[in-house]
N, C-alpha and C. Protein backbone atom coordinates (compact mmCIF):
# COMPACT_ATOMS: atom_id res chain seq x y z
N MET A 1 -52.94 145.99 218.83
CA MET A 1 -54.38 146.19 218.83
C MET A 1 -55.37 144.74 218.61
N ILE A 2 -54.70 144.28 218.21
CA ILE A 2 -55.05 142.50 217.73
C ILE A 2 -54.66 141.98 218.78
N PRO A 3 -53.09 142.06 219.83
CA PRO A 3 -53.46 140.91 220.52
C PRO A 3 -54.60 141.29 221.28
N VAL A 4 -54.59 142.86 221.99
CA VAL A 4 -55.53 142.68 222.57
C VAL A 4 -57.00 142.74 222.98
N LEU A 5 -57.91 142.57 221.61
CA LEU A 5 -58.61 142.12 221.11
C LEU A 5 -58.87 141.09 221.16
N THR A 6 -58.09 140.12 220.69
CA THR A 6 -57.71 138.51 221.26
C THR A 6 -58.46 138.09 222.71
N PHE A 7 -58.42 139.13 223.83
CA PHE A 7 -57.66 139.37 224.87
C PHE A 7 -58.70 139.48 225.70
N SER A 8 -59.57 140.56 224.75
CA SER A 8 -60.55 140.63 225.13
C SER A 8 -62.60 139.91 224.96
N SER A 9 -63.08 139.83 225.84
CA SER A 9 -64.08 138.47 226.05
C SER A 9 -64.81 138.63 224.46
N LEU A 10 -64.93 140.04 223.68
CA LEU A 10 -65.99 139.75 222.73
C LEU A 10 -65.01 138.86 221.53
N PHE A 11 -63.68 138.78 221.42
CA PHE A 11 -62.66 137.71 220.13
C PHE A 11 -62.14 136.67 221.26
N LYS A 12 -62.34 136.19 222.24
CA LYS A 12 -62.18 135.07 222.39
C LYS A 12 -61.61 134.19 221.89
N GLY A 13 -60.87 133.04 221.58
CA GLY A 13 -61.12 132.48 220.52
C GLY A 13 -60.88 132.28 219.49
N ILE A 14 -60.27 133.54 219.30
CA ILE A 14 -60.59 133.14 217.65
C ILE A 14 -59.11 134.30 217.20
N GLU A 15 -58.00 132.89 216.71
CA GLU A 15 -56.82 133.23 216.26
C GLU A 15 -56.32 135.09 215.66
N GLU A 16 -55.93 135.00 216.19
CA GLU A 16 -55.09 137.05 215.73
C GLU A 16 -55.13 136.86 213.70
N ASP A 17 -54.48 135.78 212.82
CA ASP A 17 -54.50 136.17 211.75
C ASP A 17 -55.86 136.08 211.75
N LYS A 18 -56.78 135.36 211.77
CA LYS A 18 -57.84 134.75 211.15
C LYS A 18 -58.90 135.90 211.97
N LEU A 19 -58.27 137.06 213.53
CA LEU A 19 -58.56 137.75 213.89
C LEU A 19 -58.47 139.33 212.76
N GLU A 20 -57.56 139.26 211.83
CA GLU A 20 -56.96 140.58 211.74
C GLU A 20 -58.39 140.68 210.25
N GLN A 21 -58.05 139.41 209.86
CA GLN A 21 -59.20 139.58 208.34
C GLN A 21 -59.94 139.58 208.24
N LEU A 22 -61.21 138.63 209.61
CA LEU A 22 -62.38 138.99 209.64
C LEU A 22 -61.97 141.08 210.13
N LEU A 23 -61.31 141.34 211.20
CA LEU A 23 -61.42 142.72 210.07
C LEU A 23 -61.27 143.82 209.65
N ALA A 24 -60.46 143.40 208.96
CA ALA A 24 -60.39 143.78 206.88
C ALA A 24 -62.08 143.72 206.56
N THR A 25 -63.13 143.24 207.38
CA THR A 25 -64.13 142.84 206.27
C THR A 25 -65.07 143.54 206.25
N VAL A 26 -64.61 144.87 207.88
CA VAL A 26 -66.33 145.84 208.74
C VAL A 26 -64.95 147.46 208.49
N SER A 27 -65.29 147.91 209.19
CA SER A 27 -65.07 148.87 209.40
C SER A 27 -65.00 149.43 210.60
N TYR A 28 -63.91 150.44 211.36
CA TYR A 28 -64.34 150.08 212.37
C TYR A 28 -63.48 151.42 213.06
N GLN A 29 -62.78 152.20 214.22
CA GLN A 29 -61.95 153.24 214.75
C GLN A 29 -61.82 152.62 215.28
N LEU A 30 -60.09 153.66 216.03
CA LEU A 30 -59.35 153.38 217.35
C LEU A 30 -59.59 155.29 217.58
N LYS A 31 -60.01 154.94 219.06
CA LYS A 31 -59.48 156.62 219.11
C LYS A 31 -59.38 156.79 220.32
N SER A 32 -58.20 158.30 220.53
CA SER A 32 -57.12 158.36 220.99
C SER A 32 -57.97 159.24 222.87
N TYR A 33 -58.02 159.29 223.89
CA TYR A 33 -58.59 160.30 224.56
C TYR A 33 -57.19 160.60 225.90
N LYS A 34 -57.26 161.77 226.10
CA LYS A 34 -56.10 161.77 227.26
C LYS A 34 -56.80 161.75 228.68
N LYS A 35 -56.08 161.08 229.49
CA LYS A 35 -56.66 161.65 231.17
C LYS A 35 -57.69 162.56 231.79
N GLY A 36 -58.43 162.14 232.37
CA GLY A 36 -60.10 163.11 232.10
C GLY A 36 -61.15 163.52 231.39
N GLU A 37 -60.72 162.86 230.21
CA GLU A 37 -61.16 163.28 228.80
C GLU A 37 -63.19 162.68 229.29
N LEU A 38 -63.72 163.50 229.01
CA LEU A 38 -65.00 162.37 228.70
C LEU A 38 -65.57 161.66 226.82
N ILE A 39 -65.58 160.34 226.99
CA ILE A 39 -65.67 159.57 225.95
C ILE A 39 -67.58 159.95 225.68
N ALA A 40 -67.63 159.59 227.06
CA ALA A 40 -69.72 160.06 226.49
C ALA A 40 -70.16 160.89 227.55
N MET A 41 -71.27 161.18 227.91
CA MET A 41 -72.33 161.89 228.36
C MET A 41 -73.64 161.42 228.76
N GLU A 42 -74.18 161.09 229.99
CA GLU A 42 -74.92 161.10 230.41
C GLU A 42 -76.47 161.44 229.52
N GLY A 43 -77.54 160.07 228.40
CA GLY A 43 -77.63 161.00 227.82
C GLY A 43 -77.67 161.23 226.64
N ASP A 44 -76.81 160.92 226.41
CA ASP A 44 -75.51 160.47 225.18
C ASP A 44 -75.89 159.08 224.22
N ASN A 45 -76.50 159.83 222.67
CA ASN A 45 -76.63 158.53 221.65
C ASN A 45 -75.02 157.33 221.28
N CYS A 46 -75.40 156.23 222.02
CA CYS A 46 -74.99 155.26 221.84
C CYS A 46 -74.11 154.59 220.70
N GLU A 47 -73.98 155.00 219.76
CA GLU A 47 -73.70 155.30 218.44
C GLU A 47 -72.53 153.35 218.23
N HIS A 48 -71.04 153.64 219.51
CA HIS A 48 -70.27 152.61 218.84
C HIS A 48 -70.71 151.83 219.78
N LEU A 49 -69.93 150.44 219.68
CA LEU A 49 -69.31 150.05 221.46
C LEU A 49 -67.88 150.00 221.22
N GLY A 50 -68.12 150.52 222.45
CA GLY A 50 -66.29 150.20 222.71
C GLY A 50 -66.10 149.05 223.17
N ILE A 51 -64.33 149.62 223.27
CA ILE A 51 -63.36 147.87 224.39
C ILE A 51 -61.87 148.82 223.59
N ILE A 52 -61.46 148.47 224.94
CA ILE A 52 -60.91 149.24 225.74
C ILE A 52 -58.92 148.42 225.26
N ILE A 53 -58.13 148.78 224.19
CA ILE A 53 -56.36 149.23 224.14
C ILE A 53 -55.99 149.04 225.13
N SER A 54 -56.14 150.46 225.46
CA SER A 54 -55.63 150.45 226.38
C SER A 54 -55.75 151.44 227.22
N GLY A 55 -55.28 152.11 228.74
CA GLY A 55 -55.66 153.09 230.11
C GLY A 55 -56.85 151.91 230.80
N ASN A 56 -57.64 152.69 231.78
CA ASN A 56 -58.56 153.17 232.35
C ASN A 56 -60.24 154.14 232.38
N ILE A 57 -61.35 153.69 232.25
CA ILE A 57 -62.04 154.42 232.74
C ILE A 57 -63.01 154.31 233.41
N GLN A 58 -63.69 154.82 234.00
CA GLN A 58 -64.98 154.67 234.82
C GLN A 58 -66.27 154.93 234.12
N ILE A 59 -67.21 154.16 235.13
CA ILE A 59 -68.09 154.73 233.98
C ILE A 59 -69.58 155.53 236.03
N GLN A 60 -69.58 156.47 235.10
CA GLN A 60 -69.92 157.39 236.51
C GLN A 60 -71.51 158.32 236.61
N LYS A 61 -72.42 158.05 237.59
CA LYS A 61 -73.80 158.42 237.41
C LYS A 61 -73.29 159.70 238.72
N SER A 62 -74.22 160.61 237.91
CA SER A 62 -73.73 162.13 238.53
C SER A 62 -75.32 162.01 239.79
N HIS A 63 -75.18 162.24 240.76
CA HIS A 63 -76.78 163.31 240.99
C HIS A 63 -77.18 164.18 241.80
N SER A 64 -78.08 164.23 241.59
CA SER A 64 -78.55 166.18 241.66
C SER A 64 -77.97 166.98 242.63
N SER A 65 -77.76 166.38 243.39
CA SER A 65 -77.26 166.77 245.19
C SER A 65 -75.38 167.30 244.44
N GLY A 66 -75.31 166.44 243.18
CA GLY A 66 -73.84 167.02 242.66
C GLY A 66 -72.79 165.74 243.39
N LYS A 67 -73.29 164.53 244.06
CA LYS A 67 -72.24 163.70 244.28
C LYS A 67 -71.84 162.60 242.83
N ILE A 68 -70.94 162.32 242.59
CA ILE A 68 -70.58 161.27 241.53
C ILE A 68 -70.34 160.29 242.22
N VAL A 69 -70.87 158.71 241.88
CA VAL A 69 -70.88 158.07 242.15
C VAL A 69 -70.00 156.76 241.12
N VAL A 70 -69.27 156.49 241.60
CA VAL A 70 -68.22 156.06 240.03
C VAL A 70 -69.53 153.93 240.15
N LEU A 71 -69.96 153.82 239.09
CA LEU A 71 -70.30 152.45 238.59
C LEU A 71 -69.33 151.71 238.55
N ASP A 72 -68.78 151.98 237.74
CA ASP A 72 -67.37 150.52 236.99
C ASP A 72 -66.56 151.05 236.51
N LEU A 73 -65.45 150.33 236.61
CA LEU A 73 -63.50 150.74 236.28
C LEU A 73 -63.39 149.19 235.55
N LEU A 74 -63.00 150.42 234.10
CA LEU A 74 -62.52 149.32 232.87
C LEU A 74 -61.44 149.28 232.80
N ALA A 75 -60.29 148.18 232.14
CA ALA A 75 -59.23 148.01 232.20
C ALA A 75 -59.45 147.49 230.88
N LYS A 76 -58.12 147.43 230.62
CA LYS A 76 -58.06 146.89 228.72
C LYS A 76 -58.70 145.39 228.37
N GLY A 77 -59.12 145.48 227.78
CA GLY A 77 -59.99 144.35 226.96
C GLY A 77 -61.27 144.01 227.69
N ASP A 78 -61.89 145.16 229.02
CA ASP A 78 -62.94 144.97 228.94
C ASP A 78 -63.79 146.18 227.43
N LEU A 79 -65.16 146.12 227.72
CA LEU A 79 -66.04 146.43 226.52
C LEU A 79 -67.20 147.79 227.37
N PHE A 80 -67.75 148.32 226.69
CA PHE A 80 -68.95 149.07 226.99
C PHE A 80 -69.76 149.42 225.55
N GLY A 81 -71.02 149.44 226.79
CA GLY A 81 -71.87 150.18 224.94
C GLY A 81 -72.59 148.95 224.65
N GLU A 82 -72.46 146.76 224.87
CA GLU A 82 -72.74 146.15 223.99
C GLU A 82 -74.40 145.92 224.29
N VAL A 83 -75.17 146.40 225.88
CA VAL A 83 -76.29 146.38 225.59
C VAL A 83 -76.87 147.09 225.05
N ILE A 84 -76.63 148.59 225.71
CA ILE A 84 -77.16 149.94 225.38
C ILE A 84 -77.49 149.87 223.71
N ILE A 85 -76.34 149.87 222.47
CA ILE A 85 -76.52 150.19 221.25
C ILE A 85 -77.42 149.22 220.70
N PHE A 86 -78.26 148.36 220.98
CA PHE A 86 -79.20 147.06 220.78
C PHE A 86 -80.54 147.44 221.49
N SER A 87 -80.54 147.92 222.52
CA SER A 87 -81.78 148.61 222.78
C SER A 87 -82.39 149.44 222.18
N GLN A 88 -84.05 149.74 223.07
CA GLN A 88 -84.47 150.44 222.11
C GLN A 88 -84.09 151.98 222.21
N GLU A 89 -83.75 152.12 223.43
CA GLU A 89 -83.55 153.65 224.10
C GLU A 89 -82.15 153.88 222.86
N HIS A 90 -80.64 153.15 223.66
CA HIS A 90 -79.85 153.53 222.62
C HIS A 90 -79.06 154.48 223.47
N ARG A 91 -78.85 155.31 225.04
CA ARG A 91 -78.61 155.97 225.70
C ARG A 91 -77.86 156.02 226.67
N PHE A 92 -76.43 156.54 226.54
CA PHE A 92 -76.42 156.51 227.72
C PHE A 92 -76.73 156.27 229.19
N PRO A 93 -76.84 155.18 230.16
CA PRO A 93 -77.52 155.77 230.78
C PRO A 93 -76.54 156.40 232.34
N ALA A 94 -75.54 156.32 232.54
CA ALA A 94 -74.06 156.97 232.90
C ALA A 94 -73.34 158.03 231.93
N THR A 95 -72.31 158.23 232.46
CA THR A 95 -71.19 159.36 232.31
C THR A 95 -69.61 158.57 231.89
N ILE A 96 -69.64 158.52 231.66
CA ILE A 96 -67.70 157.63 230.75
C ILE A 96 -67.27 158.48 230.24
N LEU A 97 -65.81 157.89 231.63
CA LEU A 97 -64.46 159.42 231.44
C LEU A 97 -63.16 158.19 231.40
N SER A 98 -61.93 158.88 230.81
CA SER A 98 -60.93 158.26 230.52
C SER A 98 -60.52 158.78 231.65
N VAL A 99 -60.00 158.20 232.67
CA VAL A 99 -59.12 158.21 234.08
C VAL A 99 -58.21 157.85 234.07
N THR A 100 -57.26 157.42 232.07
CA THR A 100 -55.72 157.86 232.49
C THR A 100 -55.94 158.06 230.43
N ALA A 101 -54.33 158.11 229.92
CA ALA A 101 -54.40 158.10 228.32
C ALA A 101 -55.14 157.02 227.79
N SER A 102 -55.89 157.27 227.21
CA SER A 102 -56.53 155.62 227.17
C SER A 102 -57.24 155.55 225.21
N CYS A 103 -56.78 154.39 224.57
CA CYS A 103 -57.27 154.23 223.00
C CYS A 103 -58.28 152.48 223.29
N ILE A 104 -59.53 152.85 222.14
CA ILE A 104 -60.46 152.56 222.59
C ILE A 104 -60.32 151.84 221.48
N PHE A 105 -61.62 151.11 221.10
CA PHE A 105 -62.08 150.16 219.25
C PHE A 105 -63.04 150.79 219.66
N LEU A 106 -63.30 151.24 218.41
CA LEU A 106 -64.86 151.59 218.63
C LEU A 106 -65.75 150.92 217.10
N ILE A 107 -66.64 149.98 217.23
CA ILE A 107 -67.19 149.67 216.53
C ILE A 107 -68.87 149.59 216.27
N SER A 108 -69.64 150.08 215.45
CA SER A 108 -71.38 150.90 214.98
C SER A 108 -71.76 148.81 214.73
N LYS A 109 -72.93 149.43 215.67
CA LYS A 109 -74.10 148.36 215.79
C LYS A 109 -73.63 147.37 214.68
N ALA A 110 -74.06 147.99 212.84
CA ALA A 110 -74.65 147.04 211.91
C ALA A 110 -72.41 146.57 211.41
N GLU A 111 -72.10 147.21 211.68
CA GLU A 111 -71.11 146.17 211.64
C GLU A 111 -70.67 145.52 212.62
N ILE A 112 -71.46 144.75 214.29
CA ILE A 112 -71.51 144.09 214.81
C ILE A 112 -71.70 143.08 214.51
N LYS A 113 -73.68 143.21 213.56
CA LYS A 113 -74.00 142.86 213.24
C LYS A 113 -73.58 141.80 211.35
N GLN A 114 -72.61 142.80 210.96
CA GLN A 114 -72.15 141.32 210.49
C GLN A 114 -70.71 140.59 210.64
N LEU A 115 -70.54 140.80 211.97
CA LEU A 115 -69.49 140.05 212.32
C LEU A 115 -69.81 138.92 213.20
N CYS A 116 -71.61 139.12 213.42
CA CYS A 116 -71.81 137.69 213.48
C CYS A 116 -72.83 137.67 213.12
N ILE A 117 -72.88 137.85 211.47
CA ILE A 117 -72.69 136.97 210.71
C ILE A 117 -71.79 135.90 209.54
N LYS A 118 -70.96 136.98 209.70
CA LYS A 118 -69.50 136.06 209.63
C LYS A 118 -69.10 135.17 210.02
N ASN A 119 -69.61 135.40 211.78
CA ASN A 119 -67.91 134.46 212.56
C ASN A 119 -69.03 133.67 214.08
N GLU A 120 -69.19 132.48 213.82
CA GLU A 120 -70.28 132.05 214.66
C GLU A 120 -68.98 131.91 216.30
N LEU A 121 -68.36 132.20 215.95
CA LEU A 121 -67.40 131.81 217.76
C LEU A 121 -67.95 133.32 217.88
N PHE A 122 -68.13 134.66 217.28
CA PHE A 122 -68.22 136.57 217.59
C PHE A 122 -69.39 136.60 218.18
N LEU A 123 -70.11 135.29 216.88
CA LEU A 123 -71.74 135.83 217.57
C LEU A 123 -71.89 134.72 219.06
N GLU A 124 -71.73 133.85 218.90
CA GLU A 124 -71.40 133.22 220.23
C GLU A 124 -70.76 134.25 221.73
N ASN A 125 -70.13 134.83 221.36
CA ASN A 125 -69.32 135.13 221.91
C ASN A 125 -69.72 136.42 222.90
N PHE A 126 -70.60 137.31 221.81
CA PHE A 126 -71.42 138.40 221.93
C PHE A 126 -72.32 138.49 222.80
N LEU A 127 -72.61 137.74 223.15
CA LEU A 127 -74.53 136.55 223.59
C LEU A 127 -73.99 136.56 224.85
N GLN A 128 -73.22 135.61 224.61
CA GLN A 128 -72.39 135.37 225.88
C GLN A 128 -71.59 136.68 226.71
N ALA A 129 -71.60 138.21 225.70
CA ALA A 129 -70.96 139.23 226.92
C ALA A 129 -72.38 139.41 227.67
N LEU A 130 -73.47 139.69 226.48
CA LEU A 130 -74.79 140.47 227.21
C LEU A 130 -74.73 139.26 227.91
N THR A 131 -75.60 138.24 228.50
CA THR A 131 -75.05 137.71 229.60
C THR A 131 -74.75 138.02 231.05
N ASN A 132 -72.81 137.90 230.43
CA ASN A 132 -72.67 138.50 231.68
C ASN A 132 -72.73 139.38 232.37
N LYS A 133 -73.21 140.44 231.52
CA LYS A 133 -73.48 142.34 231.40
C LYS A 133 -74.95 141.95 232.49
N ILE A 134 -75.72 141.39 232.24
CA ILE A 134 -77.17 140.88 233.25
C ILE A 134 -76.84 141.09 233.74
N LEU A 135 -75.70 139.36 234.34
CA LEU A 135 -75.25 139.22 235.75
C LEU A 135 -74.94 140.14 236.40
N MET A 136 -73.73 140.65 236.06
CA MET A 136 -72.90 142.15 236.59
C MET A 136 -73.85 143.44 237.26
N LEU A 137 -75.12 143.59 236.26
CA LEU A 137 -76.00 144.44 237.13
C LEU A 137 -76.82 143.35 238.26
N ASN A 138 -76.50 142.37 237.92
CA ASN A 138 -77.88 141.68 239.08
C ASN A 138 -76.91 141.47 240.76
N ARG A 139 -75.85 141.85 240.09
CA ARG A 139 -74.72 141.70 241.24
C ARG A 139 -74.45 142.82 242.19
N LYS A 140 -74.55 144.04 241.25
CA LYS A 140 -74.42 145.50 241.46
C LYS A 140 -76.47 145.10 243.08
N VAL A 141 -76.61 145.16 241.82
CA VAL A 141 -78.02 144.62 242.60
C VAL A 141 -78.52 144.91 243.37
N LYS A 142 -77.61 143.18 243.84
CA LYS A 142 -77.91 142.19 244.87
C LYS A 142 -76.91 143.21 246.22
N THR A 143 -75.20 144.39 246.18
CA THR A 143 -74.80 144.42 247.00
C THR A 143 -75.79 145.97 247.57
N LEU A 144 -76.38 146.37 246.46
CA LEU A 144 -77.15 148.05 247.00
C LEU A 144 -78.43 147.47 248.49
N SER A 145 -78.06 145.29 247.59
CA SER A 145 -80.02 144.95 248.79
C SER A 145 -79.02 144.78 250.09
N TYR A 146 -77.87 144.77 250.58
CA TYR A 146 -77.29 144.91 251.33
C TYR A 146 -77.55 146.15 252.72
N LYS A 147 -77.47 146.27 254.73
CA LYS A 147 -78.25 146.67 254.48
C LYS A 147 -76.62 147.50 255.61
N THR A 148 -75.48 146.34 255.05
CA THR A 148 -74.64 146.96 256.41
C THR A 148 -73.03 147.57 256.21
N ILE A 149 -72.88 148.17 255.86
CA ILE A 149 -71.22 148.54 255.71
C ILE A 149 -70.21 147.22 255.55
N ARG A 150 -70.73 145.77 257.04
CA ARG A 150 -69.86 145.23 256.59
C ARG A 150 -70.30 143.99 255.34
N GLU A 151 -71.46 144.21 255.60
CA GLU A 151 -71.93 142.59 254.60
C GLU A 151 -71.70 143.11 252.94
N LYS A 152 -71.46 144.46 252.78
CA LYS A 152 -71.11 144.57 251.10
C LYS A 152 -69.92 144.41 251.44
N ILE A 153 -69.13 144.94 252.16
CA ILE A 153 -67.64 144.44 251.91
C ILE A 153 -68.07 142.96 251.92
N ALA A 154 -68.43 142.77 252.46
CA ALA A 154 -68.02 140.88 252.54
C ALA A 154 -68.09 140.40 251.28
N ASN A 155 -69.42 140.83 250.15
CA ASN A 155 -69.90 140.71 248.96
C ASN A 155 -69.20 141.12 247.81
N LEU A 156 -67.97 141.52 247.57
CA LEU A 156 -67.36 142.57 247.41
C LEU A 156 -65.94 141.39 246.97
N LEU A 157 -65.68 141.63 248.54
CA LEU A 157 -64.22 139.92 248.65
C LEU A 157 -64.67 138.85 248.85
N MET A 158 -66.10 138.14 247.81
CA MET A 158 -66.59 136.94 248.22
C MET A 158 -66.65 136.84 246.46
N GLU A 159 -67.03 137.63 246.06
CA GLU A 159 -67.08 137.86 244.12
C GLU A 159 -65.45 138.25 244.21
N GLU A 160 -64.59 139.10 244.51
CA GLU A 160 -63.30 138.77 243.72
C GLU A 160 -62.71 137.14 243.97
N TYR A 161 -63.25 136.59 245.97
CA TYR A 161 -62.17 135.38 245.46
C TYR A 161 -62.69 134.68 244.76
N LEU A 162 -63.55 134.45 244.10
CA LEU A 162 -65.03 133.33 243.67
C LEU A 162 -64.19 133.63 241.98
N GLN A 163 -63.63 134.84 241.70
CA GLN A 163 -62.87 135.13 240.56
C GLN A 163 -61.62 134.95 240.57
N GLN A 164 -60.60 135.25 241.81
CA GLN A 164 -59.44 135.17 241.70
C GLN A 164 -58.44 133.49 242.74
N LYS A 165 -59.27 132.88 242.56
CA LYS A 165 -59.77 131.72 243.50
C LYS A 165 -58.57 131.82 244.11
N THR A 166 -57.90 132.60 245.05
CA THR A 166 -57.11 132.69 245.85
C THR A 166 -57.68 133.48 247.06
N PRO A 167 -57.33 133.26 248.77
CA PRO A 167 -57.82 134.14 249.43
C PRO A 167 -56.43 135.67 249.31
N LEU A 168 -55.71 135.37 249.02
CA LEU A 168 -54.67 136.78 248.90
C LEU A 168 -54.69 137.37 247.61
N LEU A 169 -56.22 138.40 247.79
CA LEU A 169 -56.33 139.40 246.43
C LEU A 169 -55.73 140.15 246.30
N THR A 170 -55.60 141.09 244.98
CA THR A 170 -55.17 141.95 244.63
C THR A 170 -56.64 142.81 243.83
N LEU A 171 -57.01 143.61 244.50
CA LEU A 171 -57.71 143.87 244.35
C LEU A 171 -57.66 145.16 242.76
N PRO A 172 -58.59 145.38 242.21
CA PRO A 172 -57.98 146.56 241.03
C PRO A 172 -58.84 147.78 241.28
N TYR A 173 -58.67 148.07 241.96
CA TYR A 173 -59.41 149.45 243.02
C TYR A 173 -58.50 150.11 243.89
N LYS A 174 -58.22 151.72 244.16
CA LYS A 174 -57.98 152.53 245.23
C LYS A 174 -59.31 152.56 245.99
N ARG A 175 -58.67 152.83 247.53
CA ARG A 175 -59.51 152.79 248.23
C ARG A 175 -60.31 153.55 248.25
N HIS A 176 -60.32 154.83 247.49
CA HIS A 176 -62.24 155.67 247.30
C HIS A 176 -62.79 155.17 246.22
N GLU A 177 -61.89 154.21 244.92
CA GLU A 177 -62.84 153.85 244.28
C GLU A 177 -63.51 152.44 245.18
N MET A 178 -63.00 152.02 245.53
CA MET A 178 -63.89 150.98 246.16
C MET A 178 -65.47 151.91 247.11
N ALA A 179 -64.73 152.00 247.84
CA ALA A 179 -66.32 153.07 248.31
C ALA A 179 -67.33 153.55 247.84
N ASP A 180 -66.92 153.98 246.66
CA ASP A 180 -68.05 154.74 245.52
C ASP A 180 -68.56 153.46 245.63
N LEU A 181 -67.52 152.66 244.82
CA LEU A 181 -67.95 150.82 244.12
C LEU A 181 -69.59 150.45 245.27
N LEU A 182 -68.95 150.55 246.49
CA LEU A 182 -70.32 150.13 247.33
C LEU A 182 -70.97 151.08 247.67
N GLY A 183 -70.95 152.39 247.74
CA GLY A 183 -72.16 153.95 247.30
C GLY A 183 -71.75 154.02 248.65
N ILE A 184 -70.64 153.73 249.74
CA ILE A 184 -70.79 154.20 251.18
C ILE A 184 -69.45 154.77 251.56
N PRO A 185 -69.45 156.65 252.40
CA PRO A 185 -67.70 157.05 252.18
C PRO A 185 -67.67 156.55 252.72
N ARG A 186 -65.95 157.77 252.67
CA ARG A 186 -64.65 156.34 252.58
C ARG A 186 -64.26 156.33 254.01
N PRO A 187 -64.46 156.69 254.34
CA PRO A 187 -64.55 156.66 255.88
C PRO A 187 -64.81 156.17 257.03
N SER A 188 -65.80 155.33 256.62
CA SER A 188 -66.31 154.57 257.04
C SER A 188 -66.56 153.30 256.16
N LEU A 189 -65.76 153.50 254.89
CA LEU A 189 -65.04 152.53 254.61
C LEU A 189 -63.47 151.69 254.98
N SER A 190 -63.12 152.47 254.98
CA SER A 190 -61.99 152.67 256.32
C SER A 190 -61.84 152.28 257.49
N ARG A 191 -62.88 152.35 257.86
CA ARG A 191 -63.37 151.92 259.94
C ARG A 191 -64.23 151.10 259.98
N GLU A 192 -64.16 150.14 258.57
CA GLU A 192 -64.87 149.23 258.77
C GLU A 192 -63.99 147.80 258.59
N LEU A 193 -63.14 148.49 257.91
CA LEU A 193 -61.83 147.28 256.81
C LEU A 193 -60.90 147.26 258.06
N SER A 194 -60.37 148.23 258.92
CA SER A 194 -59.69 148.25 260.77
C SER A 194 -60.01 147.17 261.74
N VAL A 195 -61.67 147.59 261.37
CA VAL A 195 -62.55 146.44 262.69
C VAL A 195 -62.62 145.49 262.65
N MET A 196 -62.34 144.82 260.94
CA MET A 196 -62.36 143.68 260.37
C MET A 196 -61.14 142.73 259.91
N LYS A 197 -60.16 143.60 260.40
CA LYS A 197 -58.16 143.58 260.46
C LYS A 197 -58.59 143.41 262.63
N GLU A 198 -58.86 143.96 263.24
CA GLU A 198 -58.32 143.72 264.47
C GLU A 198 -59.28 142.44 264.83
N GLU A 199 -60.75 141.72 263.84
CA GLU A 199 -60.98 140.75 264.46
C GLU A 199 -60.78 139.78 263.92
N GLY A 200 -59.63 139.80 262.72
CA GLY A 200 -59.13 138.54 261.88
C GLY A 200 -59.85 137.66 261.60
N LEU A 201 -60.62 139.11 260.18
CA LEU A 201 -61.89 138.83 259.42
C LEU A 201 -60.51 138.67 258.32
N ILE A 202 -59.86 139.97 258.08
CA ILE A 202 -58.61 140.16 257.50
C ILE A 202 -57.77 140.92 257.38
N ASP A 203 -57.11 140.76 256.49
CA ASP A 203 -55.31 141.68 256.72
C ASP A 203 -55.28 142.32 255.01
N TYR A 204 -55.09 143.36 255.47
CA TYR A 204 -54.67 143.93 254.34
C TYR A 204 -53.31 144.89 253.93
N TYR A 205 -52.78 145.01 253.07
CA TYR A 205 -52.34 146.53 252.91
C TYR A 205 -52.00 146.91 251.79
N ARG A 206 -52.89 147.95 251.43
CA ARG A 206 -52.64 149.28 250.25
C ARG A 206 -54.45 148.35 249.24
N ASN A 207 -53.68 148.27 247.92
CA ASN A 207 -54.60 147.04 246.96
C ASN A 207 -54.19 145.60 247.18
N THR A 208 -54.55 144.63 248.58
CA THR A 208 -53.86 143.31 248.44
C THR A 208 -54.45 142.93 250.05
N VAL A 209 -55.48 142.02 249.59
CA VAL A 209 -56.59 142.05 250.96
C VAL A 209 -55.90 140.70 250.88
N LYS A 210 -55.99 139.76 252.35
CA LYS A 210 -55.63 137.87 252.41
C LYS A 210 -56.96 138.15 253.03
N LEU A 211 -57.53 136.95 252.40
CA LEU A 211 -58.70 137.22 253.15
C LEU A 211 -58.53 135.15 254.66
N LEU A 212 -58.64 135.80 255.97
CA LEU A 212 -58.02 134.62 256.85
C LEU A 212 -58.35 133.65 256.84
N LYS A 213 -60.30 133.72 257.21
CA LYS A 213 -61.72 133.72 258.09
C LYS A 213 -62.86 133.80 256.60
N PRO A 214 -62.63 133.32 255.03
CA PRO A 214 -63.26 133.07 254.31
C PRO A 214 -64.83 132.99 254.85
N ASP A 215 -64.89 131.89 255.32
CA ASP A 215 -66.12 130.92 255.33
C ASP A 215 -67.17 132.20 256.37
N GLN A 216 -66.61 132.69 257.61
CA GLN A 216 -66.79 133.91 258.16
C GLN A 216 -67.56 135.17 257.51
N LEU A 217 -66.82 135.10 256.40
CA LEU A 217 -67.61 136.66 255.65
C LEU A 217 -68.59 136.20 254.55
N LYS A 218 -68.32 134.53 254.43
CA LYS A 218 -69.26 134.07 253.88
C LYS A 218 -71.07 134.14 254.20
N ASP A 219 -70.91 133.50 255.33
CA ASP A 219 -71.88 133.62 256.07
C ASP A 219 -72.50 134.92 256.71
N LEU A 220 -71.75 135.98 256.79
CA LEU A 220 -72.48 137.48 256.23
C LEU A 220 -73.33 137.16 255.38
N ILE A 221 -73.30 137.01 254.02
CA ILE A 221 -72.90 136.97 252.80
C ILE A 221 -74.64 136.43 252.50
N PHE A 222 -74.71 134.69 253.11
CA PHE A 222 -75.44 133.77 252.78
C PHE A 222 -77.57 133.44 253.47
């Protein structure tokens, strides 16, 4: 558990032995979930911040039509609930589902406050995590602002390009998950990717995408 926590944004920079000593001063839970098990339902009280020790989870939003949209995909070291737990409402705005067998590190609001008091680096990491979440939400709003499927795809690929710092991208999601993230039907996504490949903008195989003309993709979204 400790090596994974040091990998997470919340505990980065804290040495393993010091982290072990720090966690010994607070209470926390390690909870396991089966594949397909709900971690939290939309509207549930957010009583803990969670860090994924193993497995993968989805943040989902259900519409009245019955359609389920995947808002985010989280993996080992990622956290959730960091913004909601200190909000006035402190209710989950979406459903959290364990899409594989998973193990989650859970810590309460009161214990987070104690860690902020006891360790300055943890406090800095926590504030940075909040800032990053706000920026991420802004990016999602930006994606929604694009009108065409190509613009949405280009925006997603350029974000991955900036993060991975290579034109040969390994996408951390399957095709249907990518479609859900972009809010478009999977057939429409596949069709547009094929056209972009034919035009020489990209090449791809499964979840690997090579940006052949990143400057042209950039021009689509700026």
